[in-house]
Amino acid sequence: ILAVVVAVLRKSFVGFGCRNFGVDEEQQMVEIGWPTDVQHVTHVTFDRFNGFLGLPVELEPEVPRKPPSASRRVFGVSTESMQLSFDSRGNCVPTILLMMQRSLYSQGGLQSEGIFRINPENGEEEYAREQLNQGLIPENIDVHCLAGLIKAWFRELPRGILDSVRPEKVMQAQSPEECGRVLSLLPPAEAALLNWAVNLMADVAHFHHLNKMNAHNIAMVFAPNMTQMWEPLTALMHAVHVMNFLKTLISKTIRERRD
């Protein structure tokens, strides 16, 4: 975006700095209007992977289209270096999460017994990781492998999505309103990820009569992946509080959908 501004200013300086000596001074004067008298002639966006999109033709030679480097890995990297997309609820999350979610749903993963609880085979998971790092979803991938990789994505983040909130805040959040206040304390990126994950877990719990994964069960398997603590006993105790926190948010989401 800075490059676009510099290019436009450069053109402006050239345009006002050149003087036509064959024209009278009065004819060269430019009338300056009000700041509100503007016209939106183009819309330029920037994508880490594709560079500037919608750039006017006259600016293309002056603005480098090559985007800065972005990580091609999708596991163990910050969301700031990943391609992002909006889900149906307006959460801006990594595109790869939405791709895995679509594949999981289309293959009947929500109805599969033990989804997000049953561990996949190691060989299949490693192959799937390689494909996902290339932005591809392997064909005919087992739904339990997909579910395991979604959990792994959260677990391997450089920082847990709840780590910016003090543990006692999570522990003290008992009611839906208190859990909502904790959610509001998160930075926008982490809040969007948590909102996306809670809605995913609510989708799973909706089919608990088929998959045996109610709000408590799905919260229990997700909780250890949402925070990072190195001391085992402290991590175990905090995971219980995170589980209760997630369960409350899941139940709240399910109730809101019914209303």
C-alpha atoms as a PDB file:
ATOM      1  CA  ILE A   1       0.000   0.000   0.000  1.00  0.00           C
ATOM      2  CA  LEU A   2       2.933   2.350   0.763  1.00  0.00           C
ATOM      3  CA  ALA A   3       4.292   1.672  -2.729  1.00  0.00           C
ATOM      4  CA  VAL A   4       0.951   2.718  -4.249  1.00  0.00           C
ATOM      5  CA  VAL A   5       0.931   5.970  -2.254  1.00  0.00           C
ATOM      6  CA  VAL A   6       4.529   6.754  -3.263  1.00  0.00           C
ATOM      7  CA  ALA A   7       3.753   6.132  -6.934  1.00  0.00           C
ATOM      8  CA  VAL A   8       0.688   8.378  -6.841  1.00  0.00           C
ATOM      9  CA  LEU A   9       2.584  11.162  -5.069  1.00  0.00           C
ATOM     10  CA  ARG A  10       5.394  10.856  -7.582  1.00  0.00           C
ATOM     11  CA  LYS A  11       2.964  11.365 -10.429  1.00  0.00           C
ATOM     12  CA  SER A  12       1.400  14.312  -8.580  1.00  0.00           C
ATOM     13  CA  PHE A  13       4.758  16.013  -8.050  1.00  0.00           C
ATOM     14  CA  VAL A  14       5.687  15.535 -11.701  1.00  0.00           C
ATOM     15  CA  GLY A  15       2.336  16.874 -12.856  1.00  0.00           C
ATOM     16  CA  PHE A  16       2.504  20.038 -10.729  1.00  0.00           C
ATOM     17  CA  GLY A  17       6.230  20.546 -11.134  1.00  0.00           C
ATOM     18  CA  CYS A  18       6.203  20.702 -14.954  1.00  0.00           C
ATOM     19  CA  ARG A  19       5.440  24.109 -16.445  1.00  0.00           C
ATOM     20  CA  ASN A  20       4.121  24.689 -19.963  1.00  0.00           C
ATOM     21  CA  PHE A  21       5.874  27.828 -21.130  1.00  0.00           C
ATOM     22  CA  GLY A  22       3.614  28.166 -24.166  1.00  0.00           C
ATOM     23  CA  VAL A  23       0.485  28.787 -22.033  1.00  0.00           C
ATOM     24  CA  ASP A  24      -0.493  31.866 -20.052  1.00  0.00           C
ATOM     25  CA  GLU A  25      -0.051  31.821 -16.268  1.00  0.00           C
ATOM     26  CA  GLU A  26      -3.819  32.128 -15.704  1.00  0.00           C
ATOM     27  CA  GLN A  27      -4.476  29.035 -17.842  1.00  0.00           C
ATOM     28  CA  GLN A  28      -1.955  27.015 -15.819  1.00  0.00           C
ATOM     29  CA  MET A  29      -3.635  27.674 -12.481  1.00  0.00           C
ATOM     30  CA  VAL A  30      -5.386  24.616 -11.018  1.00  0.00           C
ATOM     31  CA  GLU A  31      -8.511  25.118  -8.951  1.00  0.00           C
ATOM     32  CA  ILE A  32      -8.336  23.194  -5.669  1.00  0.00           C
ATOM     33  CA  GLY A  33     -11.715  21.915  -4.466  1.00  0.00           C
ATOM     34  CA  TRP A  34     -13.012  20.792  -1.096  1.00  0.00           C
ATOM     35  CA  PRO A  35     -11.527  17.684   0.561  1.00  0.00           C
ATOM     36  CA  THR A  36     -14.980  16.084   0.470  1.00  0.00           C
ATOM     37  CA  ASP A  37     -15.232  16.410  -3.314  1.00  0.00           C
ATOM     38  CA  VAL A  38     -13.699  13.036  -4.115  1.00  0.00           C
ATOM     39  CA  GLN A  39     -14.443  10.314  -6.616  1.00  0.00           C
ATOM     40  CA  HIS A  40     -13.762   6.634  -5.936  1.00  0.00           C
ATOM     41  CA  VAL A  41     -12.300   5.452  -9.243  1.00  0.00           C
ATOM     42  CA  THR A  42     -10.641   2.197  -8.224  1.00  0.00           C
ATOM     43  CA  HIS A  43     -10.319  -0.281  -5.349  1.00  0.00           C
ATOM     44  CA  VAL A  44      -6.905  -1.813  -4.683  1.00  0.00           C
ATOM     45  CA  THR A  45      -6.377  -4.684  -2.276  1.00  0.00           C
ATOM     46  CA  PHE A  46      -3.227  -6.460  -1.182  1.00  0.00           C
ATOM     47  CA  ASP A  47      -2.752 -10.184  -0.778  1.00  0.00           C
ATOM     48  CA  ARG A  48       0.429 -11.695   0.691  1.00  0.00           C
ATOM     49  CA  PHE A  49       0.425 -14.411  -1.960  1.00  0.00           C
ATOM     50  CA  ASN A  50      -0.808 -12.500  -5.047  1.00  0.00           C
ATOM     51  CA  GLY A  51       0.390  -8.950  -4.387  1.00  0.00           C
ATOM     52  CA  PHE A  52      -1.662  -5.877  -5.370  1.00  0.00           C
ATOM     53  CA  LEU A  53      -5.041  -6.694  -6.920  1.00  0.00           C
ATOM     54  CA  GLY A  54      -7.130  -4.175  -8.880  1.00  0.00           C
ATOM     55  CA  LEU A  55      -4.161  -1.894  -9.550  1.00  0.00           C
ATOM     56  CA  PRO A  56      -4.800   0.802 -12.236  1.00  0.00           C
ATOM     57  CA  VAL A  57      -3.004   0.071 -15.504  1.00  0.00           C
ATOM     58  CA  GLU A  58      -1.024   3.322 -15.384  1.00  0.00           C
ATOM     59  CA  LEU A  59       0.463   2.378 -11.999  1.00  0.00           C
ATOM     60  CA  GLU A  60       1.369  -1.228 -12.772  1.00  0.00           C
ATOM     61  CA  PRO A  61       4.843  -0.416 -14.207  1.00  0.00           C
ATOM     62  CA  GLU A  62       5.739   1.620 -11.098  1.00  0.00           C
ATOM     63  CA  VAL A  63       4.399  -0.594  -8.311  1.00  0.00           C
ATOM     64  CA  PRO A  64       6.078  -3.983  -7.819  1.00  0.00           C
ATOM     65  CA  ARG A  65       3.465  -6.718  -8.069  1.00  0.00           C
ATOM     66  CA  LYS A  66       5.602  -9.345  -6.406  1.00  0.00           C
ATOM     67  CA  PRO A  67       4.355  -9.754  -2.827  1.00  0.00           C
ATOM     68  CA  PRO A  68       6.685 -10.121   0.157  1.00  0.00           C
ATOM     69  CA  SER A  69       7.502 -13.635   1.164  1.00  0.00           C
ATOM     70  CA  ALA A  70       4.800 -15.519   3.068  1.00  0.00           C
ATOM     71  CA  SER A  71       5.151 -18.858   4.749  1.00  0.00           C
ATOM     72  CA  ARG A  72       4.035 -21.825   2.681  1.00  0.00           C
ATOM     73  CA  ARG A  73       3.794 -23.906   5.850  1.00  0.00           C
ATOM     74  CA  VAL A  74       0.436 -24.062   7.564  1.00  0.00           C
ATOM     75  CA  PHE A  75       1.443 -25.721  10.850  1.00  0.00           C
ATOM     76  CA  GLY A  76       3.453 -24.055  13.592  1.00  0.00           C
ATOM     77  CA  VAL A  77       3.410 -20.575  12.046  1.00  0.00           C
ATOM     78  CA  SER A  78       1.666 -17.344  12.993  1.00  0.00           C
ATOM     79  CA  THR A  79      -1.597 -16.475  11.254  1.00  0.00           C
ATOM     80  CA  GLU A  80       0.065 -13.201  10.205  1.00  0.00           C
ATOM     81  CA  SER A  81       2.094 -15.126   7.626  1.00  0.00           C
ATOM     82  CA  MET A  82      -0.835 -17.154   6.272  1.00  0.00           C
ATOM     83  CA  GLN A  83      -3.500 -16.521   3.666  1.00  0.00           C
ATOM     84  CA  LEU A  84      -6.759 -15.586   5.391  1.00  0.00           C
ATOM     85  CA  SER A  85     -10.427 -15.782   4.401  1.00  0.00           C
ATOM     86  CA  PHE A  86     -13.769 -14.941   5.986  1.00  0.00           C
ATOM     87  CA  ASP A  87     -16.098 -17.687   7.135  1.00  0.00           C
ATOM     88  CA  SER A  88     -19.899 -17.451   6.928  1.00  0.00           C
ATOM     89  CA  ARG A  89     -20.001 -15.613  10.281  1.00  0.00           C
ATOM     90  CA  GLY A  90     -17.423 -12.991   9.373  1.00  0.00           C
ATOM     91  CA  ASN A  91     -14.466 -14.528  11.213  1.00  0.00           C
ATOM     92  CA  CYS A  92     -11.168 -13.877   9.444  1.00  0.00           C
ATOM     93  CA  VAL A  93      -9.243 -17.151   9.777  1.00  0.00           C
ATOM     94  CA  PRO A  94      -6.575 -19.034   7.805  1.00  0.00           C
ATOM     95  CA  THR A  95      -7.938 -20.303   4.503  1.00  0.00           C
ATOM     96  CA  ILE A  96      -6.513 -23.757   5.153  1.00  0.00           C
ATOM     97  CA  LEU A  97      -8.799 -24.149   8.194  1.00  0.00           C
ATOM     98  CA  LEU A  98     -11.847 -23.411   6.057  1.00  0.00           C
ATOM     99  CA  MET A  99     -10.656 -25.888   3.431  1.00  0.00           C
ATOM    100  CA  MET A 100     -10.253 -28.637   6.032  1.00  0.00           C
ATOM    101  CA  GLN A 101     -13.634 -27.782   7.545  1.00  0.00           C
ATOM    102  CA  ARG A 102     -15.403 -27.993   4.170  1.00  0.00           C
ATOM    103  CA  SER A 103     -13.783 -31.338   3.414  1.00  0.00           C
ATOM    104  CA  LEU A 104     -14.669 -32.680   6.868  1.00  0.00           C
ATOM    105  CA  TYR A 105     -18.317 -31.683   6.508  1.00  0.00           C
ATOM    106  CA  SER A 106     -18.695 -32.872   2.911  1.00  0.00           C
ATOM    107  CA  GLN A 107     -17.414 -36.343   3.841  1.00  0.00           C
ATOM    108  CA  GLY A 108     -19.861 -36.746   6.709  1.00  0.00           C
ATOM    109  CA  GLY A 109     -17.309 -36.131   9.437  1.00  0.00           C
ATOM    110  CA  LEU A 110     -19.867 -34.523  11.735  1.00  0.00           C
ATOM    111  CA  GLN A 111     -21.816 -37.784  11.849  1.00  0.00           C
ATOM    112  CA  SER A 112     -18.770 -40.036  12.370  1.00  0.00           C
ATOM    113  CA  GLU A 113     -18.607 -41.649  15.802  1.00  0.00           C
ATOM    114  CA  GLY A 114     -15.723 -40.354  17.900  1.00  0.00           C
ATOM    115  CA  ILE A 115     -14.883 -37.472  15.550  1.00  0.00           C
ATOM    116  CA  PHE A 116     -12.034 -35.369  17.022  1.00  0.00           C
ATOM    117  CA  ARG A 117     -11.463 -38.120  19.613  1.00  0.00           C
ATOM    118  CA  ILE A 118     -10.186 -41.007  17.467  1.00  0.00           C
ATOM    119  CA  ASN A 119      -6.546 -40.586  16.427  1.00  0.00           C
ATOM    120  CA  PRO A 120      -5.605 -41.077  12.751  1.00  0.00           C
ATOM    121  CA  GLU A 121      -2.837 -43.308  11.446  1.00  0.00           C
ATOM    122  CA  ASN A 122       0.568 -41.606  11.506  1.00  0.00           C
ATOM    123  CA  GLY A 123       1.414 -42.389   7.884  1.00  0.00           C
ATOM    124  CA  GLU A 124      -1.748 -40.810   6.542  1.00  0.00           C
ATOM    125  CA  GLU A 125      -1.333 -37.746   8.725  1.00  0.00           C
ATOM    126  CA  GLU A 126       2.208 -37.088   7.507  1.00  0.00           C
ATOM    127  CA  TYR A 127       1.118 -37.358   3.866  1.00  0.00           C
ATOM    128  CA  ALA A 128      -1.822 -35.032   4.533  1.00  0.00           C
ATOM    129  CA  ARG A 129       0.493 -32.489   6.178  1.00  0.00           C
ATOM    130  CA  GLU A 130       2.689 -32.405   3.085  1.00  0.00           C
ATOM    131  CA  GLN A 131      -0.338 -31.821   0.869  1.00  0.00           C
ATOM    132  CA  LEU A 132      -1.753 -29.126   3.141  1.00  0.00           C
ATOM    133  CA  ASN A 133       1.569 -27.273   3.116  1.00  0.00           C
ATOM    134  CA  GLN A 134       1.040 -27.023  -0.643  1.00  0.00           C
ATOM    135  CA  GLY A 135      -2.477 -25.685  -0.167  1.00  0.00           C
ATOM    136  CA  LEU A 136      -4.110 -28.963  -1.176  1.00  0.00           C
ATOM    137  CA  ILE A 137      -6.631 -31.207   0.548  1.00  0.00           C
ATOM    138  CA  PRO A 138      -5.783 -34.862  -0.212  1.00  0.00           C
ATOM    139  CA  GLU A 139      -8.556 -36.745  -1.966  1.00  0.00           C
ATOM    140  CA  ASN A 140     -10.392 -39.416   0.024  1.00  0.00           C
ATOM    141  CA  ILE A 141      -8.656 -38.378   3.230  1.00  0.00           C
ATOM    142  CA  ASP A 142     -10.028 -40.050   6.352  1.00  0.00           C
ATOM    143  CA  VAL A 143     -12.278 -37.723   8.365  1.00  0.00           C
ATOM    144  CA  HIS A 144     -10.480 -38.635  11.602  1.00  0.00           C
ATOM    145  CA  CYS A 145      -7.216 -37.563   9.990  1.00  0.00           C
ATOM    146  CA  LEU A 146      -8.759 -34.217   9.033  1.00  0.00           C
ATOM    147  CA  ALA A 147     -10.142 -33.726  12.531  1.00  0.00           C
ATOM    148  CA  GLY A 148      -6.777 -34.579  14.075  1.00  0.00           C
ATOM    149  CA  LEU A 149      -5.012 -32.075  11.836  1.00  0.00           C
ATOM    150  CA  ILE A 150      -7.430 -29.310  12.803  1.00  0.00           C
ATOM    151  CA  LYS A 151      -6.584 -29.935  16.463  1.00  0.00           C
ATOM    152  CA  ALA A 152      -2.881 -30.128  15.604  1.00  0.00           C
ATOM    153  CA  TRP A 153      -3.075 -26.780  13.825  1.00  0.00           C
ATOM    154  CA  PHE A 154      -4.228 -25.095  17.044  1.00  0.00           C
ATOM    155  CA  ARG A 155      -1.816 -27.082  19.217  1.00  0.00           C
ATOM    156  CA  GLU A 156       1.224 -26.140  17.123  1.00  0.00           C
ATOM    157  CA  LEU A 157       0.595 -22.400  16.967  1.00  0.00           C
ATOM    158  CA  PRO A 158       3.557 -20.341  18.246  1.00  0.00           C
ATOM    159  CA  ARG A 159       1.221 -19.160  21.009  1.00  0.00           C
ATOM    160  CA  GLY A 160      -2.038 -20.662  22.276  1.00  0.00           C
ATOM    161  CA  ILE A 161      -5.105 -18.645  21.334  1.00  0.00           C
ATOM    162  CA  LEU A 162      -6.069 -18.246  25.016  1.00  0.00           C
ATOM    163  CA  ASP A 163      -2.585 -17.415  26.276  1.00  0.00           C
ATOM    164  CA  SER A 164      -3.143 -13.646  26.103  1.00  0.00           C
ATOM    165  CA  VAL A 165      -5.758 -13.963  28.877  1.00  0.00           C
ATOM    166  CA  ARG A 166      -4.657 -14.609  32.457  1.00  0.00           C
ATOM    167  CA  PRO A 167      -5.485 -18.196  33.537  1.00  0.00           C
ATOM    168  CA  GLU A 168      -7.508 -16.986  36.523  1.00  0.00           C
ATOM    169  CA  LYS A 169      -9.822 -15.092  34.159  1.00  0.00           C
ATOM    170  CA  VAL A 170     -10.658 -18.338  32.372  1.00  0.00           C
ATOM    171  CA  MET A 171     -11.002 -20.191  35.670  1.00  0.00           C
ATOM    172  CA  GLN A 172     -13.403 -17.604  37.105  1.00  0.00           C
ATOM    173  CA  ALA A 173     -15.624 -17.484  34.011  1.00  0.00           C
ATOM    174  CA  GLN A 174     -18.600 -19.626  35.011  1.00  0.00           C
ATOM    175  CA  SER A 175     -21.626 -18.127  33.264  1.00  0.00           C
ATOM    176  CA  PRO A 176     -22.157 -17.496  29.532  1.00  0.00           C
ATOM    177  CA  GLU A 177     -21.916 -13.752  30.193  1.00  0.00           C
ATOM    178  CA  GLU A 178     -18.594 -14.120  32.017  1.00  0.00           C
ATOM    179  CA  CYS A 179     -17.212 -16.336  29.247  1.00  0.00           C
ATOM    180  CA  GLY A 180     -18.327 -13.739  26.717  1.00  0.00           C
ATOM    181  CA  ARG A 181     -16.396 -11.068  28.597  1.00  0.00           C
ATOM    182  CA  VAL A 182     -13.260 -13.234  28.496  1.00  0.00           C
ATOM    183  CA  LEU A 183     -13.754 -13.625  24.755  1.00  0.00           C
ATOM    184  CA  SER A 184     -13.872  -9.834  24.414  1.00  0.00           C
ATOM    185  CA  LEU A 185     -10.419  -9.589  26.060  1.00  0.00           C
ATOM    186  CA  LEU A 186      -8.744 -11.517  23.247  1.00  0.00           C
ATOM    187  CA  PRO A 187      -6.935  -9.766  20.385  1.00  0.00           C
ATOM    188  CA  PRO A 188      -8.995  -9.748  17.145  1.00  0.00           C
ATOM    189  CA  ALA A 189      -7.061 -12.603  15.495  1.00  0.00           C
ATOM    190  CA  GLU A 190      -7.368 -14.914  18.507  1.00  0.00           C
ATOM    191  CA  ALA A 191     -11.014 -13.939  19.050  1.00  0.00           C
ATOM    192  CA  ALA A 192     -11.843 -14.849  15.442  1.00  0.00           C
ATOM    193  CA  LEU A 193     -10.080 -18.207  15.779  1.00  0.00           C
ATOM    194  CA  LEU A 194     -11.871 -19.025  19.025  1.00  0.00           C
ATOM    195  CA  ASN A 195     -15.236 -18.022  17.582  1.00  0.00           C
ATOM    196  CA  TRP A 196     -14.608 -20.220  14.546  1.00  0.00           C
ATOM    197  CA  ALA A 197     -13.525 -23.159  16.718  1.00  0.00           C
ATOM    198  CA  VAL A 198     -16.509 -22.840  19.076  1.00  0.00           C
ATOM    199  CA  ASN A 199     -18.929 -22.870  16.141  1.00  0.00           C
ATOM    200  CA  LEU A 200     -17.141 -25.923  14.747  1.00  0.00           C
ATOM    201  CA  MET A 201     -17.517 -27.674  18.105  1.00  0.00           C
ATOM    202  CA  ALA A 202     -21.182 -26.646  18.246  1.00  0.00           C
ATOM    203  CA  ASP A 203     -21.687 -28.240  14.818  1.00  0.00           C
ATOM    204  CA  VAL A 204     -20.145 -31.452  16.143  1.00  0.00           C
ATOM    205  CA  ALA A 205     -22.251 -31.403  19.319  1.00  0.00           C
ATOM    206  CA  HIS A 206     -25.402 -30.928  17.229  1.00  0.00           C
ATOM    207  CA  PHE A 207     -24.946 -34.506  15.964  1.00  0.00           C
ATOM    208  CA  HIS A 208     -24.024 -35.982  19.354  1.00  0.00           C
ATOM    209  CA  HIS A 209     -26.712 -38.664  18.949  1.00  0.00           C
ATOM    210  CA  LEU A 210     -24.671 -40.013  16.019  1.00  0.00           C
ATOM    211  CA  ASN A 211     -21.053 -39.142  16.813  1.00  0.00           C
ATOM    212  CA  LYS A 212     -21.224 -39.549  20.628  1.00  0.00           C
ATOM    213  CA  MET A 213     -19.522 -36.163  21.007  1.00  0.00           C
ATOM    214  CA  ASN A 214     -21.666 -33.829  23.102  1.00  0.00           C
ATOM    215  CA  ALA A 215     -20.588 -30.356  24.269  1.00  0.00           C
ATOM    216  CA  HIS A 216     -18.615 -31.800  27.202  1.00  0.00           C
ATOM    217  CA  ASN A 217     -16.801 -34.412  25.118  1.00  0.00           C
ATOM    218  CA  ILE A 218     -15.825 -32.103  22.260  1.00  0.00           C
ATOM    219  CA  ALA A 219     -14.681 -29.412  24.714  1.00  0.00           C
ATOM    220  CA  MET A 220     -12.558 -31.986  26.536  1.00  0.00           C
ATOM    221  CA  VAL A 221     -10.622 -33.048  23.425  1.00  0.00           C
ATOM    222  CA  PHE A 222     -10.120 -29.474  22.187  1.00  0.00           C
ATOM    223  CA  ALA A 223      -9.105 -27.860  25.499  1.00  0.00           C
ATOM    224  CA  PRO A 224      -5.444 -29.022  25.609  1.00  0.00           C
ATOM    225  CA  ASN A 225      -4.895 -27.526  22.147  1.00  0.00           C
ATOM    226  CA  MET A 226      -6.046 -24.002  22.989  1.00  0.00           C
ATOM    227  CA  THR A 227      -3.293 -23.020  25.415  1.00  0.00           C
ATOM    228  CA  GLN A 228       0.383 -23.752  26.027  1.00  0.00           C
ATOM    229  CA  MET A 229       1.890 -24.368  29.444  1.00  0.00           C
ATOM    230  CA  TRP A 230       5.158 -26.195  30.013  1.00  0.00           C
ATOM    231  CA  GLU A 231       4.652 -27.360  33.605  1.00  0.00           C
ATOM    232  CA  PRO A 232       2.622 -30.608  33.295  1.00  0.00           C
ATOM    233  CA  LEU A 233       0.540 -30.312  36.464  1.00  0.00           C
ATOM    234  CA  THR A 234      -0.311 -26.654  35.839  1.00  0.00           C
ATOM    235  CA  ALA A 235      -1.161 -27.444  32.222  1.00  0.00           C
ATOM    236  CA  LEU A 236      -3.489 -30.260  33.289  1.00  0.00           C
ATOM    237  CA  MET A 237      -5.309 -28.087  35.807  1.00  0.00           C
ATOM    238  CA  HIS A 238      -5.663 -25.227  33.341  1.00  0.00           C
ATOM    239  CA  ALA A 239      -6.946 -27.610  30.649  1.00  0.00           C
ATOM    240  CA  VAL A 240      -9.857 -28.484  32.950  1.00  0.00           C
ATOM    241  CA  HIS A 241     -10.733 -24.794  33.293  1.00  0.00           C
ATOM    242  CA  VAL A 242     -10.425 -24.308  29.524  1.00  0.00           C
ATOM    243  CA  MET A 243     -12.687 -27.327  28.978  1.00  0.00           C
ATOM    244  CA  ASN A 244     -15.398 -25.810  31.183  1.00  0.00           C
ATOM    245  CA  PHE A 245     -14.930 -22.456  29.460  1.00  0.00           C
ATOM    246  CA  LEU A 246     -15.331 -24.039  26.006  1.00  0.00           C
ATOM    247  CA  LYS A 247     -18.290 -26.134  27.107  1.00  0.00           C
ATOM    248  CA  THR A 248     -20.102 -23.013  28.296  1.00  0.00           C
ATOM    249  CA  LEU A 249     -19.440 -21.215  25.002  1.00  0.00           C
ATOM    250  CA  ILE A 250     -20.556 -24.254  22.979  1.00  0.00           C
ATOM    251  CA  SER A 251     -23.795 -24.581  24.940  1.00  0.00           C
ATOM    252  CA  LYS A 252     -24.393 -20.838  24.591  1.00  0.00           C
ATOM    253  CA  THR A 253     -23.887 -21.061  20.818  1.00  0.00           C
ATOM    254  CA  ILE A 254     -26.283 -23.993  20.481  1.00  0.00           C
ATOM    255  CA  ARG A 255     -28.965 -22.145  22.471  1.00  0.00           C
ATOM    256  CA  GLU A 256     -28.572 -19.012  20.359  1.00  0.00           C
ATOM    257  CA  ARG A 257     -29.034 -21.047  17.192  1.00  0.00           C
ATOM    258  CA  ARG A 258     -32.301 -22.450  18.500  1.00  0.00           C
ATOM    259  CA  ASP A 259     -33.690 -19.030  19.457  1.00  0.00           C
END
